[in-house]
């Protein structure tokens, strides 16, 4: 992991140290059970660069201690500090409480690649997490070719799908009150107005917001998804195991997580020519997970996915070998898969662009690539609507988003299908 030296430690660390000292016994019981500790040494703080964003920051806590047998050992933890609650946040529960609930839900659902967490009672804005010794996926991908990145991403589809399938099954079993403690969302109209106005790419009038509902159509679904899957929200440990952090669980299409990951990767890699194949490869891995994961089909039906079901043995081979031929995907389903991925890509890309106008987290070069990525989605929809199952009203909505999205830079002659820069 990338870190700053200790000279960069801010006052946030004082909050973390205070919370750790007050709750040390409970923290050790959660993360290091059945271990006798005689005396703890000094805690060494490290600020984790590249984590959190504008609303939070992460620290690594490392300390030595003497065990009951006289031997010295070392413990490591991660702590997240929530600096402030965003003005757009509408939930009744605080973000750190929602975060703790979501981590615990993932673990209870049987998702092993999620760190343990501890939320100290009576402490505002601090969440302790199990330390994962490794790197972010973004760090792992640095220096790779686009082809190598595509293969790495494809290899993650099994993990992503199993997270969704198992969590969906778990959430469908719990009561309404518990479900309400997991999800926080905003209406798509509110999001659209914010994204358009913040980026300066349209006045976000009622017609433009209504047009954006086409994007919402592609996001809808009954899967419980990670919600903010990015290369920095996936940690790869020393054995190659991938862990998911910083979930923002929501009920959407399963393609939302894939679109989110590809949108973030688009700042560093041009993966546009691989979008279609990646969408279908995820679909195959997803269907295999539904068939082979014990009991999952009770919540996520193969039949409802519009496919012909293969036998269980062949489906397991699909998971093991990342094969892509175990299921026959109907043509209408293929259109739907592509439409949903592109909708997720555009939505997340637009969200990152809007956020960057306020935070400047990413350089102008990344912002330019994001703009090109968003343009590519809209232009492909207009140029080949049949491929994505779009009708005439859908195309009109896309045109409106295009003109509202970049009124200065894009000039289109839609009457004959030709594009002019």
Protein backbone atom coordinates (compact mmCIF):
# COMPACT_ATOMS: atom_id res chain seq x y z
CA UNK A 1 0.00 0.00 0.00
CA UNK A 2 1.12 3.55 -0.66
CA UNK A 3 1.69 5.54 2.53
CA UNK A 4 2.81 8.97 3.65
CA UNK A 5 5.51 9.27 6.28
CA UNK A 6 4.60 10.05 9.85
CA UNK A 7 5.31 13.77 9.42
CA UNK A 8 2.06 13.98 7.44
CA UNK A 9 -0.07 12.62 10.29
CA UNK A 10 -2.76 15.16 11.07
CA UNK A 11 -5.04 15.74 14.01
CA UNK A 12 -7.23 12.91 12.75
CA UNK A 13 -4.76 10.48 14.23
CA UNK A 14 -5.40 11.91 17.70
CA UNK A 15 -9.05 10.93 17.28
CA UNK A 16 -8.08 7.43 16.20
CA UNK A 17 -5.62 6.99 19.07
CA UNK A 18 -8.19 8.20 21.60
CA UNK A 19 -10.85 5.81 20.28
CA UNK A 20 -8.40 2.91 20.21
CA UNK A 21 -7.29 3.55 23.81
CA UNK A 22 -10.87 3.70 25.09
CA UNK A 23 -11.95 0.54 23.26
CA UNK A 24 -8.70 -1.46 23.17
CA UNK A 25 -10.10 -4.53 24.92
CA UNK A 26 -13.13 -4.76 22.59
CA UNK A 27 -10.95 -4.16 19.52
CA UNK A 28 -8.55 -6.94 20.47
CA UNK A 29 -11.48 -9.27 21.16
CA UNK A 30 -12.89 -8.66 17.66
CA UNK A 31 -9.68 -8.79 15.61
CA UNK A 32 -7.33 -10.89 17.76
CA UNK A 33 -9.44 -13.28 19.88
CA UNK A 34 -7.98 -15.98 22.13
CA UNK A 35 -4.63 -14.24 22.42
CA UNK A 36 -3.04 -13.43 25.76
CA UNK A 37 -1.44 -10.00 25.90
CA UNK A 38 0.73 -8.86 28.80
CA UNK A 39 1.99 -5.46 27.71
CA UNK A 40 1.49 -3.29 24.60
CA UNK A 41 4.22 -1.18 23.08
CA UNK A 42 3.94 2.22 21.39
CA UNK A 43 1.54 2.58 18.47
CA UNK A 44 3.07 3.64 15.14
CA UNK A 45 0.63 5.53 12.89
CA UNK A 46 0.79 5.64 9.10
CA UNK A 47 -1.47 7.73 6.88
CA UNK A 48 -2.70 5.70 3.90
CA UNK A 49 -2.49 7.80 0.77
CA UNK A 50 -5.04 7.24 -1.97
CA UNK A 51 -7.81 5.99 0.32
CA UNK A 52 -10.99 7.66 1.41
CA UNK A 53 -11.44 10.75 -0.75
CA UNK A 54 -12.77 14.13 0.40
CA UNK A 55 -15.04 12.84 3.15
CA UNK A 56 -12.73 10.42 4.97
CA UNK A 57 -9.16 9.34 5.55
CA UNK A 58 -7.51 6.04 6.48
CA UNK A 59 -4.73 5.17 8.91
CA UNK A 60 -2.72 2.07 9.59
CA UNK A 61 -2.16 1.31 13.29
CA UNK A 62 0.84 -0.90 14.04
CA UNK A 63 1.98 -1.87 17.53
CA UNK A 64 4.01 -4.57 19.26
CA UNK A 65 3.01 -6.40 22.42
CA UNK A 66 4.34 -9.05 24.73
CA UNK A 67 2.42 -12.32 24.76
CA UNK A 68 1.78 -14.50 27.78
CA UNK A 69 4.65 -16.82 26.80
CA UNK A 70 7.08 -13.89 26.85
CA UNK A 71 7.43 -13.67 23.05
CA UNK A 72 6.98 -10.35 21.25
CA UNK A 73 4.41 -10.08 18.45
CA UNK A 74 2.91 -7.38 16.21
CA UNK A 75 -0.64 -6.31 15.42
CA UNK A 76 -1.91 -4.20 12.52
CA UNK A 77 -5.26 -2.47 12.09
CA UNK A 78 -6.81 0.04 9.72
CA UNK A 79 -8.97 2.93 10.90
CA UNK A 80 -11.27 5.08 8.81
CA UNK A 81 -12.13 8.60 9.94
CA UNK A 82 -15.22 10.24 8.47
CA UNK A 83 -14.35 13.94 8.29
CA UNK A 84 -17.83 15.20 7.56
CA UNK A 85 -21.26 14.10 6.42
CA UNK A 86 -21.90 15.16 2.78
CA UNK A 87 -24.63 17.77 2.36
CA UNK A 88 -26.40 15.43 -0.07
CA UNK A 89 -26.64 12.65 2.51
CA UNK A 90 -30.30 11.94 3.35
CA UNK A 91 -30.05 8.87 5.58
CA UNK A 92 -31.29 8.71 9.16
CA UNK A 93 -28.27 6.66 10.23
CA UNK A 94 -24.78 8.16 10.10
CA UNK A 95 -22.48 6.97 7.28
CA UNK A 96 -20.15 5.12 9.69
CA UNK A 97 -23.09 3.17 11.11
CA UNK A 98 -24.31 2.29 7.62
CA UNK A 99 -20.75 1.30 6.70
CA UNK A 100 -20.44 -1.02 9.68
CA UNK A 101 -23.85 -2.57 8.92
CA UNK A 102 -22.88 -3.19 5.31
CA UNK A 103 -19.54 -4.82 6.12
CA UNK A 104 -21.25 -7.10 8.63
CA UNK A 105 -24.02 -7.95 6.16
CA UNK A 106 -21.45 -9.02 3.56
CA UNK A 107 -19.71 -11.26 6.08
CA UNK A 108 -22.99 -12.77 7.29
CA UNK A 109 -23.91 -13.42 3.65
CA UNK A 110 -20.86 -15.65 3.33
CA UNK A 111 -18.61 -13.28 1.36
CA UNK A 112 -15.16 -14.23 2.70
CA UNK A 113 -13.26 -11.47 0.93
CA UNK A 114 -14.43 -8.71 3.29
CA UNK A 115 -12.46 -7.43 6.31
CA UNK A 116 -13.83 -7.58 9.84
CA UNK A 117 -14.93 -4.23 11.28
CA UNK A 118 -15.56 -2.72 14.71
CA UNK A 119 -17.67 0.38 15.35
CA UNK A 120 -16.85 1.87 18.79
CA UNK A 121 -19.92 2.73 20.85
CA UNK A 122 -20.20 6.40 21.68
CA UNK A 123 -17.49 7.44 19.20
CA UNK A 124 -18.54 9.54 16.23
CA UNK A 125 -17.07 9.04 12.78
CA UNK A 126 -14.50 6.26 13.34
CA UNK A 127 -14.58 2.69 12.04
CA UNK A 128 -11.82 0.12 12.69
CA UNK A 129 -11.09 -2.51 10.03
CA UNK A 130 -9.04 -5.67 9.76
CA UNK A 131 -5.64 -4.98 8.19
CA UNK A 132 -5.13 -6.58 4.76
CA UNK A 133 -1.45 -6.83 3.96
CA UNK A 134 -1.21 -6.14 0.25
CA UNK A 135 -1.90 -3.53 -2.42
CA UNK A 136 -4.90 -1.92 -4.01
CA UNK A 137 -5.95 -3.34 -7.37
CA UNK A 138 -4.99 0.00 -8.90
CA UNK A 139 -1.41 -0.43 -7.69
CA UNK A 140 -1.36 -4.00 -8.99
CA UNK A 141 -2.45 -2.89 -12.46
CA UNK A 142 0.19 -0.19 -12.89
CA UNK A 143 2.50 -0.87 -15.81
CA UNK A 144 0.28 -3.54 -17.39
CA UNK A 145 -0.89 -3.49 -20.99
CA UNK A 146 -4.57 -3.07 -21.85
CA UNK A 147 -4.77 -6.75 -22.77
CA UNK A 148 -3.34 -7.75 -19.41
CA UNK A 149 -5.78 -5.44 -17.60
CA UNK A 150 -8.71 -7.03 -19.44
CA UNK A 151 -7.60 -10.50 -18.32
CA UNK A 152 -7.15 -9.32 -14.73
CA UNK A 153 -10.62 -7.77 -14.72
CA UNK A 154 -12.17 -10.92 -16.22
CA UNK A 155 -10.55 -12.95 -13.46
CA UNK A 156 -12.44 -10.84 -10.89
CA UNK A 157 -15.90 -11.55 -12.31
CA UNK A 158 -16.34 -14.70 -10.24
CA UNK A 159 -15.62 -12.77 -7.03
CA UNK A 160 -17.93 -9.90 -7.98
CA UNK A 161 -20.80 -12.17 -8.94
CA UNK A 162 -20.56 -14.33 -5.81
CA UNK A 163 -20.58 -11.19 -3.66
CA UNK A 164 -23.80 -10.09 -5.35
CA UNK A 165 -25.52 -13.49 -5.39
CA UNK A 166 -24.78 -14.33 -1.76
CA UNK A 167 -25.58 -10.87 -0.46
CA UNK A 168 -28.85 -10.78 -2.40
CA UNK A 169 -29.81 -14.12 -0.90
CA UNK A 170 -29.00 -12.87 2.61
CA UNK A 171 -30.82 -9.56 2.25
CA UNK A 172 -33.92 -11.30 0.92
CA UNK A 173 -34.04 -13.36 4.12
CA UNK A 174 -33.81 -10.56 6.68
CA UNK A 175 -36.68 -8.39 7.82
CA UNK A 176 -37.74 -5.01 6.46
CA UNK A 177 -36.27 -3.10 9.43
CA UNK A 178 -32.83 -4.63 8.95
CA UNK A 179 -32.95 -3.92 5.22
CA UNK A 180 -33.61 -0.28 6.04
CA UNK A 181 -30.33 -0.16 7.98
CA UNK A 182 -28.33 -1.20 4.92
CA UNK A 183 -29.38 1.05 2.06
CA UNK A 184 -29.19 4.79 1.53
CA UNK A 185 -30.05 6.21 -1.86
CA UNK A 186 -31.19 9.33 -3.65
CA UNK A 187 -33.73 9.70 -6.47
CA UNK A 188 -32.23 9.60 -9.94
CA UNK A 189 -33.72 13.04 -10.68
CA UNK A 190 -31.76 14.55 -7.81
CA UNK A 191 -28.54 12.87 -8.94
CA UNK A 192 -29.02 13.97 -12.55
CA UNK A 193 -29.56 17.62 -11.59
CA UNK A 194 -26.45 17.58 -9.42
CA UNK A 195 -24.27 15.95 -12.07
CA UNK A 196 -25.35 18.26 -14.89
CA UNK A 197 -25.13 21.47 -12.86
CA UNK A 198 -21.84 20.66 -11.15
CA UNK A 199 -20.05 19.76 -14.39
CA UNK A 200 -21.43 22.80 -16.21
CA UNK A 201 -22.66 20.56 -19.03
CA UNK A 202 -26.30 21.53 -19.02
CA UNK A 203 -28.94 23.42 -17.07
CA UNK A 204 -30.54 20.17 -15.92
CA UNK A 205 -34.05 21.31 -16.85
CA UNK A 206 -37.01 18.96 -16.47
CA UNK A 207 -36.68 17.54 -19.99
CA UNK A 208 -33.01 16.72 -19.48
CA UNK A 209 -33.69 15.08 -16.13
CA UNK A 210 -36.52 13.02 -17.65
CA UNK A 211 -34.17 11.94 -20.42
CA UNK A 212 -31.70 10.77 -17.82
CA UNK A 213 -34.27 8.22 -16.70
CA UNK A 214 -33.12 6.13 -19.65
CA UNK A 215 -29.88 5.70 -17.71
CA UNK A 216 -31.87 4.80 -14.60
CA UNK A 217 -33.68 2.13 -16.60
CA UNK A 218 -30.35 0.42 -17.21
CA UNK A 219 -29.38 0.61 -13.53
CA UNK A 220 -32.54 -0.98 -12.16
CA UNK A 221 -32.43 -4.48 -10.80
CA UNK A 222 -32.91 -6.69 -7.77
CA UNK A 223 -29.28 -7.57 -7.13
CA UNK A 224 -27.54 -6.26 -4.04
CA UNK A 225 -24.34 -4.79 -5.50
CA UNK A 226 -21.19 -3.34 -3.97
CA UNK A 227 -22.24 0.05 -5.29
CA UNK A 228 -18.84 1.76 -5.61
CA UNK A 229 -16.52 -0.83 -7.07
CA UNK A 230 -13.24 0.85 -7.98
CA UNK A 231 -9.58 -0.25 -8.25
CA UNK A 232 -8.91 1.42 -4.88
CA UNK A 233 -11.82 -0.38 -3.20
CA UNK A 234 -10.32 -3.77 -3.98
CA UNK A 235 -7.27 -4.98 -2.05
CA UNK A 236 -5.06 -7.83 -3.22
CA UNK A 237 -3.18 -9.61 -0.44
CA UNK A 238 0.17 -11.39 -0.65
CA UNK A 239 -1.47 -14.65 -1.77
CA UNK A 240 -3.47 -12.96 -4.56
CA UNK A 241 -6.79 -13.06 -2.67
CA UNK A 242 -8.99 -10.07 -3.50
CA UNK A 243 -10.82 -8.20 -0.71
CA UNK A 244 -13.66 -5.71 -1.10
CA UNK A 245 -13.72 -2.55 1.01
CA UNK A 246 -15.79 0.62 1.29
CA UNK A 247 -19.12 -0.87 0.11
CA UNK A 248 -22.11 1.30 -0.73
CA UNK A 249 -24.68 -1.48 -0.99
CA UNK A 250 -27.74 -0.87 -3.12
CA UNK A 251 -30.28 -2.90 -5.07
CA UNK A 252 -29.45 -2.50 -8.76
CA UNK A 253 -28.53 -4.43 -11.87
CA UNK A 254 -25.52 -6.73 -11.45
CA UNK A 255 -23.82 -4.87 -14.31
CA UNK A 256 -23.60 -1.75 -12.10
CA UNK A 257 -20.47 -3.05 -10.37
CA UNK A 258 -18.79 -3.97 -13.66
CA UNK A 259 -19.64 -0.59 -15.17
CA UNK A 260 -18.31 1.16 -12.07
CA UNK A 261 -14.99 -0.69 -12.20
CA UNK A 262 -14.56 -0.04 -15.93
CA UNK A 263 -15.47 3.64 -15.52
CA UNK A 264 -12.70 4.14 -12.97
CA UNK A 265 -10.19 2.14 -15.01
CA UNK A 266 -11.03 4.33 -18.00
CA UNK A 267 -8.99 7.13 -16.44
CA UNK A 268 -5.80 5.14 -17.00
CA UNK A 269 -6.60 2.54 -19.67
CA UNK A 270 -8.57 2.79 -22.91
CA UNK A 271 -10.80 -0.28 -22.67
CA UNK A 272 -13.60 0.89 -24.96
CA UNK A 273 -13.02 -1.79 -27.59
CA UNK A 274 -13.37 -4.45 -24.87
CA UNK A 275 -16.64 -3.22 -23.29
CA UNK A 276 -18.94 -5.59 -25.21
CA UNK A 277 -16.86 -8.72 -24.67
CA UNK A 278 -16.37 -7.92 -20.97
CA UNK A 279 -20.13 -7.48 -20.49
CA UNK A 280 -20.84 -10.92 -21.97
CA UNK A 281 -17.96 -12.57 -20.12
CA UNK A 282 -19.35 -11.25 -16.86
CA UNK A 283 -22.78 -12.58 -17.79
CA UNK A 284 -21.40 -16.08 -18.32
CA UNK A 285 -19.45 -16.04 -15.05
CA UNK A 286 -22.53 -14.65 -13.31
CA UNK A 287 -24.80 -17.39 -14.61
CA UNK A 288 -22.33 -20.03 -13.51
CA UNK A 289 -22.25 -18.54 -10.03
CA UNK A 290 -26.06 -18.63 -9.85
CA UNK A 291 -26.17 -22.28 -10.85
CA UNK A 292 -23.31 -23.54 -8.71
CA UNK A 293 -23.55 -21.45 -5.54
CA UNK A 294 -25.58 -23.56 -3.10
CA UNK A 295 -29.08 -22.22 -2.59
CA UNK A 296 -28.42 -18.98 -4.43
CA UNK A 297 -30.91 -19.76 -7.18
CA UNK A 298 -33.67 -19.43 -4.60
CA UNK A 299 -33.09 -15.69 -4.73
CA UNK A 300 -31.54 -15.21 -8.16
CA UNK A 301 -33.32 -17.28 -10.78
CA UNK A 302 -31.55 -18.58 -13.87
CA UNK A 303 -34.85 -18.61 -15.73
CA UNK A 304 -35.43 -14.93 -14.94
CA UNK A 305 -32.05 -14.15 -16.49
CA UNK A 306 -33.35 -15.27 -19.90
CA UNK A 307 -30.89 -18.11 -20.52
CA UNK A 308 -30.83 -21.82 -21.20
CA UNK A 309 -29.42 -23.51 -18.13
CA UNK A 310 -26.41 -25.81 -18.52
CA UNK A 311 -25.77 -28.75 -16.25
CA UNK A 312 -24.16 -28.16 -12.84
CA UNK A 313 -20.90 -29.93 -13.64
CA UNK A 314 -20.30 -27.89 -16.78
CA UNK A 315 -21.17 -24.71 -14.93
CA UNK A 316 -18.54 -25.48 -12.30
CA UNK A 317 -16.00 -25.89 -15.09
CA UNK A 318 -16.97 -22.41 -16.25
CA UNK A 319 -16.07 -20.95 -12.87
CA UNK A 320 -12.84 -22.93 -12.63
CA UNK A 321 -11.59 -22.21 -16.14
CA UNK A 322 -13.25 -18.86 -16.94
CA UNK A 323 -14.76 -20.54 -20.01
CA UNK A 324 -17.48 -18.67 -21.89
CA UNK A 325 -19.42 -21.39 -23.69
CA UNK A 326 -21.49 -23.15 -21.01
CA UNK A 327 -24.61 -21.10 -21.55
CA UNK A 328 -26.48 -19.84 -24.58
CA UNK A 329 -27.48 -16.22 -24.09
CA UNK A 330 -30.60 -15.22 -25.95
CA UNK A 331 -30.30 -12.29 -28.35
CA UNK A 332 -32.70 -10.11 -26.36
CA UNK A 333 -30.76 -10.86 -23.19
CA UNK A 334 -27.50 -9.93 -24.91
CA UNK A 335 -28.98 -6.57 -25.89
CA UNK A 336 -30.12 -6.01 -22.33
CA UNK A 337 -26.67 -6.91 -20.95
CA UNK A 338 -24.93 -4.43 -23.25
CA UNK A 339 -27.48 -1.69 -22.55
CA UNK A 340 -27.11 -2.11 -18.80
CA UNK A 341 -23.32 -2.07 -18.88
CA UNK A 342 -23.27 1.09 -20.99
CA UNK A 343 -25.83 2.76 -18.72
CA UNK A 344 -23.72 1.90 -15.66
CA UNK A 345 -20.59 3.15 -17.42
CA UNK A 346 -22.14 6.49 -18.28
CA UNK A 347 -23.72 6.99 -14.85
CA UNK A 348 -20.51 6.28 -12.92
CA UNK A 349 -18.36 8.26 -15.37
CA UNK A 350 -20.67 11.25 -15.08
CA UNK A 351 -20.67 10.91 -11.28
CA UNK A 352 -16.85 10.90 -11.14
CA UNK A 353 -16.71 13.95 -13.41
CA UNK A 354 -19.18 15.83 -11.20
CA UNK A 355 -17.32 14.86 -8.04
CA UNK A 356 -13.99 15.91 -9.52
CA UNK A 357 -15.28 19.42 -10.22
CA UNK A 358 -15.62 19.85 -6.46
CA UNK A 359 -12.66 17.83 -5.15
CA UNK A 360 -10.00 17.84 -7.92
CA UNK A 361 -9.02 14.31 -6.93
CA UNK A 362 -7.97 13.44 -10.48
CA UNK A 363 -5.79 15.42 -12.92
CA UNK A 364 -7.12 17.05 -16.09
CA UNK A 365 -5.75 14.21 -18.19
CA UNK A 366 -7.97 11.74 -16.35
CA UNK A 367 -10.93 14.09 -16.64
CA UNK A 368 -10.44 14.29 -20.40
CA UNK A 369 -10.46 10.50 -20.67
CA UNK A 370 -13.65 10.36 -18.63
CA UNK A 371 -15.31 12.84 -20.98
CA UNK A 372 -14.26 10.76 -23.99
CA UNK A 373 -15.62 7.67 -22.27
CA UNK A 374 -19.00 9.27 -21.61
CA UNK A 375 -19.16 10.50 -25.20
CA UNK A 376 -18.39 7.01 -26.49
CA UNK A 377 -21.38 5.52 -24.65
CA UNK A 378 -23.85 8.07 -26.03
CA UNK A 379 -22.45 7.98 -29.54
CA UNK A 380 -22.64 4.18 -29.73
CA UNK A 381 -26.24 4.23 -28.54
CA UNK A 382 -27.24 6.73 -31.21
CA UNK A 383 -25.28 5.10 -34.02
CA UNK A 384 -26.52 1.55 -33.37
CA UNK A 385 -29.72 1.58 -31.26
CA UNK A 386 -30.79 -1.91 -32.44
CA UNK A 387 -27.70 -3.42 -30.83
CA UNK A 388 -28.83 -2.12 -27.43
CA UNK A 389 -32.56 -2.64 -27.88
CA UNK A 390 -33.34 1.10 -27.98
CA UNK A 391 -36.48 2.44 -29.63
CA UNK A 392 -37.12 5.85 -31.19
CA UNK A 393 -38.02 7.54 -27.89
CA UNK A 394 -34.87 6.14 -26.31
CA UNK A 395 -32.74 7.58 -29.11
CA UNK A 396 -34.42 10.98 -28.71
CA UNK A 397 -33.55 10.85 -25.00
CA UNK A 398 -29.92 10.03 -25.79
CA UNK A 399 -29.71 12.95 -28.23
CA UNK A 400 -31.06 15.28 -25.56
CA UNK A 401 -28.49 14.03 -23.04
CA UNK A 402 -25.75 14.49 -25.63
CA UNK A 403 -26.66 18.08 -26.40
CA UNK A 404 -27.20 18.90 -22.74
CA UNK A 405 -24.10 17.04 -21.70
CA UNK A 406 -21.57 18.80 -23.95
CA UNK A 407 -23.29 21.69 -25.72
CA UNK A 408 -20.02 23.28 -26.88
CA UNK A 409 -17.81 20.38 -27.92
CA UNK A 410 -20.22 18.03 -29.69
CA UNK A 411 -22.05 19.02 -32.85
CA UNK A 412 -24.08 16.22 -34.36
CA UNK A 413 -26.03 15.98 -37.59
CA UNK A 414 -28.53 13.36 -36.47
CA UNK A 415 -30.69 13.56 -39.56
CA UNK A 416 -28.32 11.41 -41.60
CA UNK A 417 -26.45 9.65 -38.78
CA UNK A 418 -23.14 11.42 -39.50
CA UNK A 419 -21.04 12.84 -36.70
CA UNK A 420 -18.99 16.03 -37.06
CA UNK A 421 -16.43 17.42 -34.63
